[in-house]
């Protein structure tokens, strides 16, 4: 039976709380007092169609909560319909139905959100509304089956309970098979990435301290290129370009001109000799700088190889989600194919159990059928 009803924001009812007693309960009131709203509230909690126009003008939503105290067999039927919301081991056979009508309409059983159809199935065993233009439960197929089942007596009800348990097992097996099939499909998709990761790992075969070694080699090669660039700039300043312009060429030109003058002006002879010596010294410097330039290794292909190797290793770390190569080498990588096979084997076992259940083995002819 229904024990409590709370209505908020429904039609003319701002807030109403009603407690019902065993036996006959009569609600009276003047026109417009809210009797129809209480009936609409009951209609909502048992799955009736909601109308947005029923919401009070002062509210954004209408809220209805009803509490039912039921017998053990009725509670068991609620468990079969909404097991998550109705725990089988509950200390008290009580079912609470809630309904919210508004921008986000929702239904609940014992405080847990459920689909509206689930709430309707639970409420079917709790209450019936009889009246003009209201729900007539006796014309519903489910109610008719319930009456016929009760007419069949205790023997029939026991077999019906057994049948319900078998169907419950079938439903759970079917759900588990669907979960494993989804797992299998997901594993197949993930195996592509996993196989790519494994093949990349095998191809690269990274060493434990390889990244640090690569960084050091790149630094050395890069420094060599910097040294060569600096020496090349010095050579250009000393030797000039193909068309001349360097210090060396300018000194030789100056030495020749000054020697010519020294023949006519003896006072310039000493200076011209010093200039010739300076030009010879620059020649020696140019030769030594050229030798230094040639001694510095330059290998652009090696630089490219080192950078490419480092990029491949960093890509592998991102692919595997590891922070560094030591962590990658110590990580245990499971075989995705094995996961797929395990899920297939388990799925086959469950499918065998599912197809192996014979309903006829659990449902025999009773005396009421004679």
Protein backbone atom coordinates (compact mmCIF):
# COMPACT_ATOMS: atom_id res chain seq x y z
CA UNK A 1 0.00 0.00 0.00
CA UNK A 2 1.02 3.62 -0.46
CA UNK A 3 2.16 5.22 2.82
CA UNK A 4 3.45 8.67 1.84
CA UNK A 5 2.97 11.12 -1.00
CA UNK A 6 4.86 14.40 -1.46
CA UNK A 7 4.00 16.82 -4.28
CA UNK A 8 5.85 20.05 -5.12
CA UNK A 9 5.18 22.56 -7.89
CA UNK A 10 2.36 20.65 -9.59
CA UNK A 11 -0.54 22.75 -10.85
CA UNK A 12 -2.16 24.59 -7.92
CA UNK A 13 -0.14 22.60 -5.39
CA UNK A 14 2.95 24.42 -4.13
CA UNK A 15 3.72 21.77 -1.51
CA UNK A 16 1.58 18.93 -0.25
CA UNK A 17 2.52 15.99 1.98
CA UNK A 18 0.00 13.22 2.51
CA UNK A 19 0.34 10.22 4.83
CA UNK A 20 -1.99 7.30 4.17
CA UNK A 21 -3.29 4.83 6.74
CA UNK A 22 -4.26 1.17 6.24
CA UNK A 23 -7.77 0.74 4.90
CA UNK A 24 -9.91 3.34 3.16
CA UNK A 25 -8.52 6.85 2.80
CA UNK A 26 -10.79 9.65 1.56
CA UNK A 27 -9.54 13.00 0.27
CA UNK A 28 -12.11 15.80 0.05
CA UNK A 29 -11.91 19.49 -0.73
CA UNK A 30 -13.49 22.37 -2.57
CA UNK A 31 -13.12 22.87 -6.29
CA UNK A 32 -9.59 24.00 -7.07
CA UNK A 33 -8.18 22.72 -3.78
CA UNK A 34 -5.89 20.29 -5.60
CA UNK A 35 -7.63 16.90 -5.53
CA UNK A 36 -7.06 16.38 -9.25
CA UNK A 37 -3.40 17.37 -8.83
CA UNK A 38 -2.93 14.60 -6.26
CA UNK A 39 -4.42 12.12 -8.69
CA UNK A 40 -2.13 13.44 -11.44
CA UNK A 41 0.82 13.08 -9.06
CA UNK A 42 -0.03 9.42 -8.51
CA UNK A 43 -0.39 9.00 -12.28
CA UNK A 44 3.11 10.42 -12.78
CA UNK A 45 4.88 8.15 -10.28
CA UNK A 46 3.39 5.04 -11.85
CA UNK A 47 4.64 6.02 -15.31
CA UNK A 48 1.84 8.19 -16.68
CA UNK A 49 2.57 10.64 -19.48
CA UNK A 50 3.77 14.02 -18.24
CA UNK A 51 2.41 17.34 -19.44
CA UNK A 52 4.61 20.43 -19.11
CA UNK A 53 1.50 22.56 -18.58
CA UNK A 54 0.99 20.82 -15.22
CA UNK A 55 4.03 22.62 -13.75
CA UNK A 56 3.12 25.44 -11.37
CA UNK A 57 3.83 28.95 -12.67
CA UNK A 58 6.04 29.64 -9.66
CA UNK A 59 8.22 26.56 -10.27
CA UNK A 60 10.66 25.36 -12.94
CA UNK A 61 9.73 21.73 -12.39
CA UNK A 62 7.16 19.52 -10.71
CA UNK A 63 8.39 16.87 -8.25
CA UNK A 64 6.43 13.87 -6.99
CA UNK A 65 7.64 11.27 -4.48
CA UNK A 66 5.63 8.29 -3.27
CA UNK A 67 6.56 5.55 -0.78
CA UNK A 68 4.98 2.09 -0.86
CA UNK A 69 5.08 -0.61 1.80
CA UNK A 70 4.74 -3.93 -0.03
CA UNK A 71 4.69 -7.66 0.62
CA UNK A 72 7.76 -9.81 0.07
CA UNK A 73 6.50 -11.30 -3.19
CA UNK A 74 5.67 -7.87 -4.64
CA UNK A 75 9.09 -6.60 -3.56
CA UNK A 76 10.70 -9.59 -5.25
CA UNK A 77 9.00 -8.64 -8.50
CA UNK A 78 10.41 -5.13 -8.12
CA UNK A 79 13.86 -6.69 -7.63
CA UNK A 80 13.49 -8.62 -10.88
CA UNK A 81 12.64 -5.44 -12.78
CA UNK A 82 15.12 -3.03 -11.13
CA UNK A 83 17.71 -5.04 -9.24
CA UNK A 84 20.15 -2.12 -8.93
CA UNK A 85 17.53 0.08 -7.29
CA UNK A 86 15.91 -2.67 -5.18
CA UNK A 87 18.56 -4.71 -3.34
CA UNK A 88 17.40 -8.32 -2.78
CA UNK A 89 18.66 -8.34 0.82
CA UNK A 90 16.82 -5.19 1.95
CA UNK A 91 15.72 -5.30 5.60
CA UNK A 92 12.37 -3.62 4.80
CA UNK A 93 10.12 -4.23 1.80
CA UNK A 94 9.71 -0.59 0.82
CA UNK A 95 9.69 0.93 -2.65
CA UNK A 96 10.01 4.68 -3.26
CA UNK A 97 9.07 6.09 -6.65
CA UNK A 98 10.06 9.58 -7.80
CA UNK A 99 9.20 11.61 -10.85
CA UNK A 100 10.46 15.04 -11.95
CA UNK A 101 8.75 16.93 -14.78
CA UNK A 102 10.61 19.87 -16.27
CA UNK A 103 13.39 20.78 -18.66
CA UNK A 104 15.16 17.54 -17.62
CA UNK A 105 12.42 15.07 -16.75
CA UNK A 106 13.59 11.99 -14.88
CA UNK A 107 12.31 8.97 -12.99
CA UNK A 108 13.74 7.17 -9.98
CA UNK A 109 13.23 4.04 -7.91
CA UNK A 110 14.51 4.11 -4.32
CA UNK A 111 16.51 7.22 -5.11
CA UNK A 112 18.32 5.76 -8.16
CA UNK A 113 17.68 7.18 -11.63
CA UNK A 114 16.04 4.62 -13.92
CA UNK A 115 14.44 4.68 -17.38
CA UNK A 116 10.78 5.67 -17.35
CA UNK A 117 9.85 2.21 -18.67
CA UNK A 118 11.57 0.56 -15.69
CA UNK A 119 9.66 2.75 -13.25
CA UNK A 120 6.41 1.82 -15.01
CA UNK A 121 7.21 -1.89 -14.74
CA UNK A 122 7.94 -1.55 -11.02
CA UNK A 123 4.79 0.53 -10.37
CA UNK A 124 2.62 -2.03 -12.17
CA UNK A 125 2.74 -4.23 -9.07
CA UNK A 126 2.25 -1.39 -6.58
CA UNK A 127 -0.88 0.53 -7.50
CA UNK A 128 -3.77 0.79 -9.94
CA UNK A 129 -5.83 3.90 -10.70
CA UNK A 130 -9.47 3.34 -11.61
CA UNK A 131 -11.67 6.11 -12.88
CA UNK A 132 -12.99 7.84 -15.92
CA UNK A 133 -10.26 8.77 -18.44
CA UNK A 134 -7.61 7.25 -16.15
CA UNK A 135 -5.52 4.10 -16.38
CA UNK A 136 -7.48 0.84 -16.35
CA UNK A 137 -4.96 -1.80 -15.32
CA UNK A 138 -7.23 -4.78 -16.04
CA UNK A 139 -7.13 -4.10 -19.78
CA UNK A 140 -3.33 -4.34 -19.78
CA UNK A 141 -1.83 -7.64 -20.91
CA UNK A 142 0.61 -7.74 -18.00
CA UNK A 143 -2.15 -7.35 -15.43
CA UNK A 144 -4.22 -10.04 -17.13
CA UNK A 145 -1.31 -12.47 -16.99
CA UNK A 146 -0.83 -11.66 -13.31
CA UNK A 147 -4.48 -12.47 -12.54
CA UNK A 148 -4.27 -15.73 -14.47
CA UNK A 149 -1.04 -16.68 -12.71
CA UNK A 150 -2.62 -16.11 -9.31
CA UNK A 151 -5.59 -18.20 -10.40
CA UNK A 152 -3.19 -21.04 -11.16
CA UNK A 153 -2.43 -21.47 -7.46
CA UNK A 154 0.75 -22.00 -5.44
CA UNK A 155 2.12 -24.81 -7.62
CA UNK A 156 1.89 -22.64 -10.72
CA UNK A 157 3.40 -19.63 -8.90
CA UNK A 158 6.36 -21.73 -7.75
CA UNK A 159 7.02 -22.82 -11.31
CA UNK A 160 6.58 -19.23 -12.45
CA UNK A 161 9.20 -18.18 -9.90
CA UNK A 162 11.58 -20.87 -11.19
CA UNK A 163 10.93 -19.72 -14.73
CA UNK A 164 11.68 -16.12 -13.73
CA UNK A 165 15.01 -17.23 -12.22
CA UNK A 166 15.91 -19.08 -15.43
CA UNK A 167 15.08 -16.05 -17.53
CA UNK A 168 17.14 -13.95 -15.13
CA UNK A 169 20.11 -16.24 -15.73
CA UNK A 170 19.56 -16.02 -19.47
CA UNK A 171 19.44 -12.23 -19.29
CA UNK A 172 22.67 -12.05 -17.27
CA UNK A 173 24.43 -14.48 -19.61
CA UNK A 174 23.27 -12.53 -22.64
CA UNK A 175 24.52 -9.29 -21.09
CA UNK A 176 27.90 -10.84 -20.26
CA UNK A 177 28.23 -12.26 -23.79
CA UNK A 178 27.54 -8.79 -25.20
CA UNK A 179 30.20 -7.32 -22.90
CA UNK A 180 32.77 -9.90 -24.01
CA UNK A 181 31.91 -9.36 -27.66
CA UNK A 182 32.47 -5.62 -27.16
CA UNK A 183 35.76 -6.40 -25.41
CA UNK A 184 36.76 -8.64 -28.30
CA UNK A 185 35.97 -5.94 -30.86
CA UNK A 186 37.88 -3.37 -28.84
CA UNK A 187 40.86 -5.71 -28.53
CA UNK A 188 40.91 -6.25 -32.28
CA UNK A 189 41.05 -2.50 -32.85
CA UNK A 190 43.70 -1.98 -30.18
CA UNK A 191 45.77 -4.87 -31.49
CA UNK A 192 46.60 -2.83 -34.61
CA UNK A 193 48.22 -0.14 -32.48
CA UNK A 194 49.82 -2.77 -30.22
CA UNK A 195 51.30 -4.63 -33.18
CA UNK A 196 52.67 -1.36 -34.54
CA UNK A 197 54.22 -0.65 -31.15
CA UNK A 198 55.83 -4.12 -30.95
CA UNK A 199 57.17 -4.00 -34.51
CA UNK A 200 58.57 -0.49 -33.93
CA UNK A 201 60.24 -1.66 -30.72
CA UNK A 202 61.79 -4.68 -32.47
CA UNK A 203 62.97 -2.55 -35.39
CA UNK A 204 64.58 0.13 -33.25
CA UNK A 205 65.94 -2.20 -30.52
CA UNK A 206 66.74 0.73 -28.19
CA UNK A 207 69.66 0.56 -25.76
CA UNK A 208 69.31 1.50 -22.11
CA UNK A 209 71.40 4.71 -22.23
CA UNK A 210 70.97 5.47 -25.93
CA UNK A 211 69.16 8.81 -25.63
CA UNK A 212 71.94 10.35 -23.53
CA UNK A 213 74.56 8.99 -25.92
CA UNK A 214 72.68 10.41 -28.89
CA UNK A 215 72.42 13.83 -27.25
CA UNK A 216 76.17 13.87 -26.59
CA UNK A 217 76.98 12.83 -30.17
CA UNK A 218 74.63 15.44 -31.58
CA UNK A 219 76.27 18.10 -29.38
CA UNK A 220 79.74 17.12 -30.56
CA UNK A 221 78.81 17.03 -34.24
CA UNK A 222 76.93 20.29 -33.91
CA UNK A 223 79.95 21.88 -32.19
CA UNK A 224 82.19 20.65 -35.04
CA UNK A 225 79.94 22.39 -37.53
CA UNK A 226 80.14 25.57 -35.44
CA UNK A 227 83.97 25.37 -35.38
CA UNK A 228 84.12 24.84 -39.16
CA UNK A 229 81.82 27.80 -39.73
CA UNK A 230 84.03 30.05 -37.58
CA UNK A 231 87.25 28.91 -39.29
CA UNK A 232 85.64 29.38 -42.70
CA UNK A 233 84.81 32.98 -41.78
CA UNK A 234 88.47 33.55 -40.73
CA UNK A 235 89.71 32.06 -44.03
CA UNK A 236 87.40 34.34 -45.97
CA UNK A 237 88.76 37.35 -44.09
CA UNK A 238 92.39 36.30 -44.69
CA UNK A 239 92.20 34.85 -48.19
CA UNK A 240 89.17 36.66 -49.48
CA UNK A 241 86.86 35.35 -52.16
CA UNK A 242 87.70 34.13 -55.64
CA UNK A 243 87.76 37.74 -56.82
CA UNK A 244 90.14 38.76 -54.04
CA UNK A 245 89.47 41.13 -51.20
CA UNK A 246 91.21 39.29 -48.36
CA UNK A 247 93.95 40.56 -46.01
CA UNK A 248 96.50 38.29 -47.68
CA UNK A 249 95.92 39.70 -51.16
CA UNK A 250 95.88 43.28 -49.88
CA UNK A 251 99.23 42.82 -48.08
CA UNK A 252 100.89 41.38 -51.19
CA UNK A 253 99.64 44.26 -53.32
CA UNK A 254 100.83 46.78 -50.72
CA UNK A 255 104.25 45.05 -50.43
CA UNK A 256 104.82 45.16 -54.24
CA UNK A 257 103.89 48.80 -54.52
CA UNK A 258 106.02 49.80 -51.56
CA UNK A 259 109.05 47.87 -52.94
CA UNK A 260 108.78 49.86 -56.16
CA UNK A 261 108.81 53.08 -54.21
CA UNK A 262 111.72 51.84 -52.11
CA UNK A 263 113.90 51.66 -55.20
CA UNK A 264 113.47 55.40 -55.70
CA UNK A 265 113.16 56.36 -52.05
CA UNK A 266 115.62 54.43 -49.90
CA UNK A 267 113.91 55.67 -46.74
CA UNK A 268 110.97 53.36 -47.54
CA UNK A 269 113.14 50.30 -48.12
CA UNK A 270 113.04 49.11 -44.49
CA UNK A 271 109.28 49.57 -44.28
CA UNK A 272 108.73 47.70 -47.54
CA UNK A 273 110.79 44.77 -46.23
CA UNK A 274 108.70 44.65 -43.08
CA UNK A 275 105.55 44.64 -45.20
CA UNK A 276 106.93 41.76 -47.31
CA UNK A 277 107.65 39.86 -44.08
CA UNK A 278 104.12 40.57 -42.83
CA UNK A 279 102.66 39.24 -46.10
CA UNK A 280 104.77 36.08 -45.74
CA UNK A 281 103.55 35.70 -42.13
CA UNK A 282 99.92 36.02 -43.29
CA UNK A 283 100.64 33.33 -45.91
CA UNK A 284 101.79 31.00 -43.13
CA UNK A 285 98.75 31.88 -41.03
CA UNK A 286 96.41 31.18 -43.95
CA UNK A 287 98.09 27.81 -44.54
CA UNK A 288 97.70 26.82 -40.87
CA UNK A 289 94.06 28.00 -40.73
CA UNK A 290 93.32 26.01 -43.89
CA UNK A 291 94.89 22.92 -42.31
CA UNK A 292 92.80 23.42 -39.14
CA UNK A 293 89.64 23.75 -41.27
CA UNK A 294 90.44 20.52 -43.13
CA UNK A 295 91.14 18.68 -39.85
CA UNK A 296 87.63 19.31 -38.43
CA UNK A 297 85.27 16.54 -39.51
CA UNK A 298 82.07 17.53 -41.24
CA UNK A 299 79.40 14.95 -41.87
CA UNK A 300 75.90 16.37 -42.55
CA UNK A 301 74.62 12.85 -43.23
CA UNK A 302 75.69 11.76 -39.75
CA UNK A 303 73.92 14.73 -38.18
CA UNK A 304 70.73 13.82 -40.04
CA UNK A 305 71.07 10.17 -38.99
CA UNK A 306 71.51 11.07 -35.32
CA UNK A 307 68.49 13.41 -35.29
CA UNK A 308 66.36 10.84 -37.14
CA UNK A 309 67.29 8.11 -34.66
CA UNK A 310 66.46 10.32 -31.71
CA UNK A 311 63.08 11.29 -33.24
CA UNK A 312 62.24 7.59 -33.76
CA UNK A 313 63.05 6.80 -30.13
CA UNK A 314 60.95 9.70 -28.83
CA UNK A 315 58.06 8.59 -31.04
CA UNK A 316 58.31 5.08 -29.56
CA UNK A 317 58.21 6.49 -26.02
CA UNK A 318 55.06 8.49 -26.83
CA UNK A 319 53.48 5.44 -28.42
CA UNK A 320 54.11 3.27 -25.36
CA UNK A 321 53.42 5.97 -22.80
CA UNK A 322 56.79 5.51 -21.09
CA UNK A 323 58.91 8.34 -19.68
CA UNK A 324 62.31 7.03 -20.82
CA UNK A 325 64.00 4.03 -22.39
CA UNK A 326 64.91 2.29 -19.08
CA UNK A 327 61.23 2.41 -18.08
CA UNK A 328 60.30 1.10 -21.54
CA UNK A 329 62.73 -1.81 -21.29
CA UNK A 330 61.52 -2.76 -17.81
CA UNK A 331 57.81 -2.46 -18.65
CA UNK A 332 55.82 -5.65 -19.18
CA UNK A 333 53.93 -5.51 -22.49
CA UNK A 334 51.09 -8.04 -22.69
CA UNK A 335 50.32 -9.79 -25.94
CA UNK A 336 47.05 -8.37 -27.33
CA UNK A 337 46.43 -11.56 -29.30
CA UNK A 338 46.37 -13.56 -26.06
CA UNK A 339 43.78 -11.17 -24.61
CA UNK A 340 41.62 -11.67 -27.68
CA UNK A 341 41.89 -15.46 -27.49
CA UNK A 342 40.99 -15.44 -23.79
CA UNK A 343 37.90 -13.35 -24.44
CA UNK A 344 36.87 -15.62 -27.30
CA UNK A 345 37.26 -18.77 -25.19
CA UNK A 346 35.27 -17.23 -22.31
CA UNK A 347 32.62 -16.02 -24.72
CA UNK A 348 32.27 -19.49 -26.24
CA UNK A 349 31.85 -21.01 -22.79
CA UNK A 350 29.15 -18.49 -21.88
CA UNK A 351 27.44 -18.95 -25.24
CA UNK A 352 27.37 -22.71 -24.62
CA UNK A 353 25.77 -22.09 -21.23
CA UNK A 354 23.29 -19.67 -22.79
CA UNK A 355 22.18 -22.00 -25.59
CA UNK A 356 22.28 -25.04 -23.30
CA UNK A 357 19.48 -23.81 -21.03
CA UNK A 358 16.24 -25.54 -21.94
CA UNK A 359 13.21 -23.72 -20.59
CA UNK A 360 11.12 -26.90 -20.80
CA UNK A 361 13.41 -28.55 -18.24
CA UNK A 362 12.30 -25.99 -15.67
CA UNK A 363 8.61 -25.70 -16.53
CA UNK A 364 6.33 -28.72 -16.26
CA UNK A 365 2.61 -29.00 -16.68
CA UNK A 366 0.70 -28.27 -13.47
CA UNK A 367 -2.76 -29.34 -12.39
CA UNK A 368 -4.29 -25.96 -13.23
CA UNK A 369 -3.55 -26.56 -16.92
CA UNK A 370 -5.65 -29.76 -17.01
